Amino acid sequence: MRHRLIGRKLNRRPDKRRRLIRSLMGALLRHDRITTTEARGKELRRHVERLITTARRGDLHSRRLALATLPDPPAVDRLFHVVAPRYKTRPGGYTRLTRVGMRLGDGATLVQIELLDREVEAAS
């Protein structure tokens, strides 16, 4: 029975599921926007929002917690120097999920997950 169990299994064993989420978190923090399946995006949103809330404090302890959650030093540096200061006054809701269509191979619903208030690239 799944009483009070939180999170999606994503059809993976726990160790591979954790690696998948960490990889997606690193990609989202590096690029500000990624495209993935709907189930992965909804699960990723939980973890990224919690990580950004931790990083907003900006102290050494929160940096160590972030590195324990996401062992990707360049992504954690960007989280603390670029992403967290953006949301200093925002009380939550740092990401947006937007449906972008269906994947051709298996028909899975694709979503684009992005960080809000991101810098828009100059279109030339």
C-alpha atoms as a PDB file:
ATOM      1  CA  MET A   1       0.000   0.000   0.000  1.00  0.00           C
ATOM      2  CA  ARG A   2       1.205   3.503  -0.817  1.00  0.00           C
ATOM      3  CA  HIS A   3      -0.197   5.237   2.234  1.00  0.00           C
ATOM      4  CA  ARG A   4       1.514   8.619   2.761  1.00  0.00           C
ATOM      5  CA  LEU A   5       4.294   7.884   0.285  1.00  0.00           C
ATOM      6  CA  ILE A   6       5.385  10.960  -1.619  1.00  0.00           C
ATOM      7  CA  GLY A   7       7.033  11.121  -5.021  1.00  0.00           C
ATOM      8  CA  ARG A   8       6.911   9.291  -8.304  1.00  0.00           C
ATOM      9  CA  LYS A   9       8.795   6.094  -9.057  1.00  0.00           C
ATOM     10  CA  LEU A  10       9.429   7.040 -12.700  1.00  0.00           C
ATOM     11  CA  ASN A  11       9.798   3.318 -13.492  1.00  0.00           C
ATOM     12  CA  ARG A  12      13.323   3.237 -12.001  1.00  0.00           C
ATOM     13  CA  ARG A  13      15.132   1.785  -9.032  1.00  0.00           C
ATOM     14  CA  PRO A  14      15.796   4.292  -6.219  1.00  0.00           C
ATOM     15  CA  ASP A  15      19.483   4.822  -7.005  1.00  0.00           C
ATOM     16  CA  LYS A  16      18.842   5.450 -10.701  1.00  0.00           C
ATOM     17  CA  ARG A  17      15.856   7.645  -9.893  1.00  0.00           C
ATOM     18  CA  ARG A  18      18.022   9.793  -7.598  1.00  0.00           C
ATOM     19  CA  ARG A  19      20.689  10.110 -10.310  1.00  0.00           C
ATOM     20  CA  LEU A  20      18.049  11.090 -12.874  1.00  0.00           C
ATOM     21  CA  ILE A  21      16.624  13.819 -10.614  1.00  0.00           C
ATOM     22  CA  ARG A  22      20.113  15.140  -9.802  1.00  0.00           C
ATOM     23  CA  SER A  23      20.993  15.247 -13.477  1.00  0.00           C
ATOM     24  CA  LEU A  24      17.783  17.085 -14.357  1.00  0.00           C
ATOM     25  CA  MET A  25      18.313  19.546 -11.474  1.00  0.00           C
ATOM     26  CA  GLY A  26      21.828  20.318 -12.680  1.00  0.00           C
ATOM     27  CA  ALA A  27      20.645  20.819 -16.251  1.00  0.00           C
ATOM     28  CA  LEU A  28      17.805  23.112 -15.169  1.00  0.00           C
ATOM     29  CA  LEU A  29      20.078  25.230 -12.971  1.00  0.00           C
ATOM     30  CA  ARG A  30      22.697  25.527 -15.727  1.00  0.00           C
ATOM     31  CA  HIS A  31      20.324  26.334 -18.603  1.00  0.00           C
ATOM     32  CA  ASP A  32      17.271  27.887 -16.844  1.00  0.00           C
ATOM     33  CA  ARG A  33      14.939  25.887 -19.113  1.00  0.00           C
ATOM     34  CA  ILE A  34      14.768  22.222 -20.177  1.00  0.00           C
ATOM     35  CA  THR A  35      12.289  19.966 -21.954  1.00  0.00           C
ATOM     36  CA  THR A  36      11.363  16.629 -20.395  1.00  0.00           C
ATOM     37  CA  THR A  37       8.355  14.375 -19.860  1.00  0.00           C
ATOM     38  CA  GLU A  38       5.457  15.526 -17.725  1.00  0.00           C
ATOM     39  CA  ALA A  39       6.036  13.047 -14.888  1.00  0.00           C
ATOM     40  CA  ARG A  40       9.729  13.903 -14.698  1.00  0.00           C
ATOM     41  CA  GLY A  41       8.976  17.621 -14.794  1.00  0.00           C
ATOM     42  CA  LYS A  42       6.455  17.428 -11.970  1.00  0.00           C
ATOM     43  CA  GLU A  43       8.854  15.417  -9.832  1.00  0.00           C
ATOM     44  CA  LEU A  44      11.766  17.708 -10.695  1.00  0.00           C
ATOM     45  CA  ARG A  45       9.771  20.766  -9.665  1.00  0.00           C
ATOM     46  CA  ARG A  46       9.455  19.455  -6.072  1.00  0.00           C
ATOM     47  CA  HIS A  47      13.195  19.008  -5.709  1.00  0.00           C
ATOM     48  CA  VAL A  48      14.309  22.221  -7.425  1.00  0.00           C
ATOM     49  CA  GLU A  49      11.926  24.421  -5.460  1.00  0.00           C
ATOM     50  CA  ARG A  50      13.182  22.963  -2.196  1.00  0.00           C
ATOM     51  CA  LEU A  51      16.799  23.436  -3.286  1.00  0.00           C
ATOM     52  CA  ILE A  52      16.259  27.088  -4.257  1.00  0.00           C
ATOM     53  CA  THR A  53      14.520  27.777  -0.948  1.00  0.00           C
ATOM     54  CA  THR A  54      17.534  26.342   0.871  1.00  0.00           C
ATOM     55  CA  ALA A  55      19.948  28.377  -1.270  1.00  0.00           C
ATOM     56  CA  ARG A  56      18.120  31.650  -0.588  1.00  0.00           C
ATOM     57  CA  ARG A  57      19.692  31.761   2.882  1.00  0.00           C
ATOM     58  CA  GLY A  58      23.124  31.899   1.262  1.00  0.00           C
ATOM     59  CA  ASP A  59      25.158  30.678   4.253  1.00  0.00           C
ATOM     60  CA  LEU A  60      27.769  27.938   4.414  1.00  0.00           C
ATOM     61  CA  HIS A  61      25.382  25.380   5.863  1.00  0.00           C
ATOM     62  CA  SER A  62      22.885  25.844   3.021  1.00  0.00           C
ATOM     63  CA  ARG A  63      25.731  25.529   0.488  1.00  0.00           C
ATOM     64  CA  ARG A  64      26.781  22.228   2.059  1.00  0.00           C
ATOM     65  CA  LEU A  65      23.183  21.000   2.024  1.00  0.00           C
ATOM     66  CA  ALA A  66      22.914  21.950  -1.636  1.00  0.00           C
ATOM     67  CA  LEU A  67      26.153  20.130  -2.473  1.00  0.00           C
ATOM     68  CA  ALA A  68      24.860  17.047  -0.648  1.00  0.00           C
ATOM     69  CA  THR A  69      21.666  17.165  -2.701  1.00  0.00           C
ATOM     70  CA  LEU A  70      23.296  18.136  -6.004  1.00  0.00           C
ATOM     71  CA  PRO A  71      26.978  17.119  -6.238  1.00  0.00           C
ATOM     72  CA  ASP A  72      27.654  19.397  -9.217  1.00  0.00           C
ATOM     73  CA  PRO A  73      29.830  22.328  -8.020  1.00  0.00           C
ATOM     74  CA  PRO A  74      29.368  24.560 -11.118  1.00  0.00           C
ATOM     75  CA  ALA A  75      25.565  24.195 -10.908  1.00  0.00           C
ATOM     76  CA  VAL A  76      25.614  24.896  -7.152  1.00  0.00           C
ATOM     77  CA  ASP A  77      27.786  27.988  -7.697  1.00  0.00           C
ATOM     78  CA  ARG A  78      25.332  29.271 -10.299  1.00  0.00           C
ATOM     79  CA  LEU A  79      22.488  28.464  -7.903  1.00  0.00           C
ATOM     80  CA  PHE A  80      24.021  30.608  -5.149  1.00  0.00           C
ATOM     81  CA  HIS A  81      25.357  33.474  -7.279  1.00  0.00           C
ATOM     82  CA  VAL A  82      22.708  33.859  -9.999  1.00  0.00           C
ATOM     83  CA  VAL A  83      19.514  31.947  -9.244  1.00  0.00           C
ATOM     84  CA  ALA A  84      18.965  32.395  -5.479  1.00  0.00           C
ATOM     85  CA  PRO A  85      19.456  36.209  -5.436  1.00  0.00           C
ATOM     86  CA  ARG A  86      16.745  36.455  -8.125  1.00  0.00           C
ATOM     87  CA  TYR A  87      14.193  34.953  -5.730  1.00  0.00           C
ATOM     88  CA  LYS A  88      15.262  36.658  -2.489  1.00  0.00           C
ATOM     89  CA  THR A  89      11.845  38.278  -1.981  1.00  0.00           C
ATOM     90  CA  ARG A  90       9.689  35.652  -3.723  1.00  0.00           C
ATOM     91  CA  PRO A  91       7.853  33.385  -1.230  1.00  0.00           C
ATOM     92  CA  GLY A  92       7.892  30.300  -3.483  1.00  0.00           C
ATOM     93  CA  GLY A  93       6.854  29.121  -6.920  1.00  0.00           C
ATOM     94  CA  TYR A  94      10.146  29.494  -8.743  1.00  0.00           C
ATOM     95  CA  THR A  95       9.372  27.224 -11.710  1.00  0.00           C
ATOM     96  CA  ARG A  96       6.791  26.991 -14.485  1.00  0.00           C
ATOM     97  CA  LEU A  97       5.685  23.876 -16.371  1.00  0.00           C
ATOM     98  CA  THR A  98       4.365  24.378 -19.897  1.00  0.00           C
ATOM     99  CA  ARG A  99       3.099  21.556 -22.086  1.00  0.00           C
ATOM    100  CA  VAL A 100       4.823  21.572 -25.464  1.00  0.00           C
ATOM    101  CA  GLY A 101       3.401  18.520 -27.218  1.00  0.00           C
ATOM    102  CA  MET A 102       3.834  14.805 -27.553  1.00  0.00           C
ATOM    103  CA  ARG A 103       7.022  12.825 -28.085  1.00  0.00           C
ATOM    104  CA  LEU A 104       7.024  11.108 -31.456  1.00  0.00           C
ATOM    105  CA  GLY A 105       8.489   7.810 -30.283  1.00  0.00           C
ATOM    106  CA  ASP A 106       6.008   6.824 -27.594  1.00  0.00           C
ATOM    107  CA  GLY A 107       3.478   9.643 -27.382  1.00  0.00           C
ATOM    108  CA  ALA A 108       4.596  10.811 -23.934  1.00  0.00           C
ATOM    109  CA  THR A 109       3.521  14.339 -22.997  1.00  0.00           C
ATOM    110  CA  LEU A 110       6.482  16.713 -23.091  1.00  0.00           C
ATOM    111  CA  VAL A 111       6.740  19.759 -20.860  1.00  0.00           C
ATOM    112  CA  GLN A 112       9.135  22.638 -20.695  1.00  0.00           C
ATOM    113  CA  ILE A 113      10.194  23.451 -17.143  1.00  0.00           C
ATOM    114  CA  GLU A 114      11.761  26.846 -16.666  1.00  0.00           C
ATOM    115  CA  LEU A 115      12.865  29.121 -13.871  1.00  0.00           C
ATOM    116  CA  LEU A 116      10.739  32.246 -13.616  1.00  0.00           C
ATOM    117  CA  ASP A 117      12.203  35.741 -14.020  1.00  0.00           C
ATOM    118  CA  ARG A 118      15.134  34.446 -16.030  1.00  0.00           C
ATOM    119  CA  GLU A 119      17.234  36.635 -18.254  1.00  0.00           C
ATOM    120  CA  VAL A 120      15.941  36.500 -21.797  1.00  0.00           C
ATOM    121  CA  GLU A 121      18.662  35.942 -24.405  1.00  0.00           C
ATOM    122  CA  ALA A 122      19.040  38.718 -26.933  1.00  0.00           C
ATOM    123  CA  ALA A 123      17.635  37.526 -30.240  1.00  0.00           C
ATOM    124  CA  SER A 124      19.855  38.648 -33.076  1.00  0.00           C
END
